[in-house]
Amino acid sequence: MKKPEIKPGGAYSNGEFGNRWSLRQVVAIEPGPGLPDQDLVLFKVLAGTGRRARLTCTRAEFMRWARYEVVRNENSWERVQ
């Protein structure tokens, strides 16, 4: 499975089930101190543990966490094909 391209405004899921499922939306990506993998990803947790939190991690860390991009469809989230 191909990893999603991380972009501001995009929403992503970790693909887990039950209490481990989580959904994050990227607020911004700021240049890091070196390679693109070190860029800082600012995101908010939309669902799952830590809901409503605003956090930061490196692009590499976010890419390891994200399994696929999702979009809102009325009352649910659907995987982007």
N, C-alpha and C. Protein backbone atom coordinates (compact mmCIF):
# COMPACT_ATOMS: atom_id res chain seq x y z
N MET A 1 0.85 -1.17 0.00
CA MET A 1 0.00 0.00 0.00
C MET A 1 0.90 1.24 0.00
N LYS A 2 0.59 2.19 -0.87
CA LYS A 2 1.35 3.43 -0.98
C LYS A 2 0.96 4.38 0.15
N LYS A 3 1.97 5.01 0.74
CA LYS A 3 1.72 5.98 1.81
C LYS A 3 1.11 7.25 1.22
N PRO A 4 0.23 7.92 1.97
CA PRO A 4 -0.38 9.16 1.45
C PRO A 4 0.62 10.31 1.46
N GLU A 5 0.42 11.27 0.57
CA GLU A 5 1.21 12.49 0.58
C GLU A 5 0.63 13.39 1.66
N ILE A 6 1.46 13.84 2.58
CA ILE A 6 1.00 14.67 3.68
C ILE A 6 0.91 16.11 3.21
N LYS A 7 -0.28 16.72 3.38
CA LYS A 7 -0.47 18.10 2.93
C LYS A 7 -1.34 18.86 3.93
N PRO A 8 -1.14 20.18 4.05
CA PRO A 8 -1.97 20.98 4.95
C PRO A 8 -3.45 20.86 4.59
N GLY A 9 -4.29 20.71 5.60
CA GLY A 9 -5.72 20.57 5.40
C GLY A 9 -6.16 19.12 5.24
N GLY A 10 -5.22 18.23 4.96
CA GLY A 10 -5.55 16.82 4.78
C GLY A 10 -5.83 16.14 6.11
N ALA A 11 -6.69 15.12 6.08
CA ALA A 11 -7.03 14.32 7.26
C ALA A 11 -6.53 12.91 7.03
N TYR A 12 -5.97 12.29 8.07
CA TYR A 12 -5.32 10.99 7.96
C TYR A 12 -5.69 10.10 9.12
N SER A 13 -5.72 8.79 8.86
CA SER A 13 -6.03 7.80 9.88
C SER A 13 -4.84 6.88 10.08
N ASN A 14 -4.73 6.34 11.29
CA ASN A 14 -3.69 5.37 11.55
C ASN A 14 -4.13 3.95 11.17
N GLY A 15 -5.38 3.79 10.78
CA GLY A 15 -5.87 2.49 10.31
C GLY A 15 -6.07 1.45 11.40
N GLU A 16 -5.99 1.86 12.65
CA GLU A 16 -6.18 0.92 13.76
C GLU A 16 -7.67 0.71 14.03
N PHE A 17 -7.98 -0.19 14.96
CA PHE A 17 -9.36 -0.48 15.32
C PHE A 17 -9.60 -0.20 16.80
N GLY A 18 -10.86 0.02 17.15
CA GLY A 18 -11.24 0.20 18.54
C GLY A 18 -10.62 1.42 19.17
N ASN A 19 -10.15 1.27 20.41
CA ASN A 19 -9.59 2.39 21.17
C ASN A 19 -8.28 2.92 20.59
N ARG A 20 -7.65 2.17 19.71
CA ARG A 20 -6.37 2.59 19.14
C ARG A 20 -6.55 3.43 17.88
N TRP A 21 -7.79 3.50 17.34
CA TRP A 21 -8.06 4.27 16.13
C TRP A 21 -7.91 5.76 16.41
N SER A 22 -7.34 6.47 15.45
CA SER A 22 -7.14 7.90 15.60
C SER A 22 -7.21 8.58 14.24
N LEU A 23 -7.59 9.84 14.27
CA LEU A 23 -7.73 10.63 13.05
C LEU A 23 -7.11 12.00 13.31
N ARG A 24 -6.24 12.43 12.40
CA ARG A 24 -5.56 13.72 12.56
C ARG A 24 -5.73 14.57 11.31
N GLN A 25 -5.82 15.89 11.51
CA GLN A 25 -5.87 16.82 10.39
C GLN A 25 -4.65 17.73 10.46
N VAL A 26 -3.94 17.84 9.33
CA VAL A 26 -2.74 18.67 9.28
C VAL A 26 -3.15 20.13 9.19
N VAL A 27 -2.64 20.93 10.11
CA VAL A 27 -2.91 22.36 10.14
C VAL A 27 -1.88 23.10 9.30
N ALA A 28 -0.60 22.73 9.45
CA ALA A 28 0.48 23.39 8.71
C ALA A 28 1.71 22.49 8.70
N ILE A 29 2.58 22.75 7.74
CA ILE A 29 3.88 22.08 7.67
C ILE A 29 4.93 23.18 7.60
N GLU A 30 5.85 23.15 8.55
CA GLU A 30 6.90 24.17 8.62
C GLU A 30 8.24 23.54 8.31
N PRO A 31 9.08 24.26 7.59
CA PRO A 31 10.41 23.71 7.25
C PRO A 31 11.19 23.36 8.50
N GLY A 32 11.84 22.19 8.46
CA GLY A 32 12.67 21.76 9.57
C GLY A 32 14.11 22.20 9.37
N PRO A 33 14.99 21.73 10.23
CA PRO A 33 16.39 22.16 10.18
C PRO A 33 17.22 21.53 9.07
N GLY A 34 16.68 20.62 8.30
CA GLY A 34 17.50 19.95 7.28
C GLY A 34 16.66 19.33 6.18
N LEU A 35 16.66 18.03 6.14
CA LEU A 35 15.94 17.28 5.12
C LEU A 35 14.42 17.41 5.28
N PRO A 36 13.67 17.17 4.18
CA PRO A 36 12.20 17.27 4.28
C PRO A 36 11.58 16.38 5.36
N ASP A 37 12.22 15.23 5.66
CA ASP A 37 11.70 14.36 6.72
C ASP A 37 11.72 15.04 8.08
N GLN A 38 12.51 16.12 8.20
CA GLN A 38 12.62 16.83 9.47
C GLN A 38 11.67 18.03 9.54
N ASP A 39 10.88 18.26 8.46
CA ASP A 39 9.86 19.31 8.51
C ASP A 39 8.94 19.04 9.69
N LEU A 40 8.38 20.10 10.27
CA LEU A 40 7.47 19.94 11.39
C LEU A 40 6.03 19.96 10.92
N VAL A 41 5.27 18.96 11.32
CA VAL A 41 3.86 18.84 10.97
C VAL A 41 3.04 19.25 12.19
N LEU A 42 2.26 20.32 12.05
CA LEU A 42 1.36 20.76 13.11
C LEU A 42 -0.01 20.18 12.78
N PHE A 43 -0.61 19.49 13.74
CA PHE A 43 -1.88 18.82 13.47
C PHE A 43 -2.79 18.89 14.68
N LYS A 44 -4.09 18.65 14.41
CA LYS A 44 -5.06 18.52 15.50
C LYS A 44 -5.67 17.13 15.43
N VAL A 45 -5.95 16.57 16.58
CA VAL A 45 -6.55 15.24 16.66
C VAL A 45 -8.06 15.42 16.56
N LEU A 46 -8.65 14.86 15.51
CA LEU A 46 -10.10 14.99 15.28
C LEU A 46 -10.90 13.90 15.98
N ALA A 47 -10.30 12.72 16.14
CA ALA A 47 -11.00 11.60 16.78
C ALA A 47 -9.97 10.66 17.38
N GLY A 48 -10.39 9.96 18.43
CA GLY A 48 -9.51 9.02 19.09
C GLY A 48 -8.86 9.63 20.32
N THR A 49 -7.88 8.93 20.86
CA THR A 49 -7.18 9.39 22.06
C THR A 49 -6.57 10.77 21.83
N GLY A 50 -6.80 11.67 22.76
CA GLY A 50 -6.25 13.01 22.64
C GLY A 50 -7.10 13.94 21.79
N ARG A 51 -8.35 13.57 21.55
CA ARG A 51 -9.25 14.37 20.71
C ARG A 51 -9.20 15.84 21.11
N ARG A 52 -9.16 16.69 20.12
CA ARG A 52 -9.11 18.15 20.23
C ARG A 52 -7.73 18.70 20.57
N ALA A 53 -6.75 17.83 20.76
CA ALA A 53 -5.39 18.29 21.06
C ALA A 53 -4.74 18.82 19.78
N ARG A 54 -3.85 19.78 19.94
CA ARG A 54 -3.03 20.30 18.85
C ARG A 54 -1.59 19.93 19.17
N LEU A 55 -0.96 19.21 18.26
CA LEU A 55 0.37 18.66 18.51
C LEU A 55 1.29 18.89 17.32
N THR A 56 2.57 18.58 17.51
CA THR A 56 3.58 18.72 16.47
C THR A 56 4.47 17.49 16.48
N CYS A 57 4.87 17.05 15.29
CA CYS A 57 5.86 15.99 15.15
C CYS A 57 6.60 16.22 13.84
N THR A 58 7.63 15.44 13.58
CA THR A 58 8.34 15.57 12.31
C THR A 58 7.52 14.91 11.21
N ARG A 59 7.81 15.29 9.97
CA ARG A 59 7.14 14.66 8.83
C ARG A 59 7.38 13.15 8.85
N ALA A 60 8.59 12.73 9.17
CA ALA A 60 8.91 11.30 9.21
C ALA A 60 8.05 10.57 10.24
N GLU A 61 7.89 11.16 11.43
CA GLU A 61 7.06 10.54 12.47
C GLU A 61 5.60 10.46 12.02
N PHE A 62 5.10 11.53 11.39
CA PHE A 62 3.72 11.54 10.93
C PHE A 62 3.52 10.47 9.86
N MET A 63 4.49 10.34 8.95
CA MET A 63 4.39 9.34 7.88
C MET A 63 4.38 7.92 8.44
N ARG A 64 5.14 7.67 9.50
CA ARG A 64 5.12 6.34 10.12
C ARG A 64 3.76 6.06 10.74
N TRP A 65 3.11 7.09 11.29
CA TRP A 65 1.82 6.93 11.94
C TRP A 65 0.68 6.77 10.92
N ALA A 66 0.67 7.59 9.87
CA ALA A 66 -0.44 7.63 8.90
C ALA A 66 -0.46 6.39 8.00
N ARG A 67 -1.63 5.80 7.89
CA ARG A 67 -1.81 4.65 6.98
C ARG A 67 -2.49 5.08 5.68
N TYR A 68 -3.44 6.03 5.79
CA TYR A 68 -4.12 6.50 4.59
C TYR A 68 -4.84 7.82 4.87
N GLU A 69 -5.14 8.52 3.78
CA GLU A 69 -5.88 9.78 3.86
C GLU A 69 -7.37 9.47 3.92
N VAL A 70 -8.13 10.32 4.61
CA VAL A 70 -9.58 10.16 4.71
C VAL A 70 -10.27 11.49 4.40
N VAL A 71 -11.54 11.39 4.02
CA VAL A 71 -12.38 12.58 3.80
C VAL A 71 -13.68 12.38 4.55
N ARG A 72 -14.29 13.49 4.94
CA ARG A 72 -15.56 13.45 5.67
C ARG A 72 -16.71 13.21 4.69
N ASN A 73 -17.60 12.28 5.02
CA ASN A 73 -18.79 12.00 4.23
C ASN A 73 -19.97 12.03 5.19
N GLU A 74 -20.58 13.22 5.30
CA GLU A 74 -21.65 13.46 6.24
C GLU A 74 -21.23 13.14 7.67
N ASN A 75 -21.63 11.97 8.22
CA ASN A 75 -21.33 11.62 9.61
C ASN A 75 -20.23 10.59 9.77
N SER A 76 -19.50 10.31 8.71
CA SER A 76 -18.44 9.30 8.81
C SER A 76 -17.22 9.74 7.99
N TRP A 77 -16.15 8.99 8.15
CA TRP A 77 -14.92 9.25 7.43
C TRP A 77 -14.68 8.11 6.45
N GLU A 78 -14.29 8.45 5.22
CA GLU A 78 -14.04 7.44 4.20
C GLU A 78 -12.61 7.54 3.72
N ARG A 79 -12.04 6.41 3.45
CA ARG A 79 -10.69 6.33 2.94
C ARG A 79 -10.62 6.89 1.52
N VAL A 80 -9.59 7.70 1.24
CA VAL A 80 -9.38 8.23 -0.11
C VAL A 80 -8.75 7.13 -0.94
N GLN A 81 -9.33 6.87 -2.09
CA GLN A 81 -8.81 5.80 -2.97
C GLN A 81 -7.76 6.31 -3.92
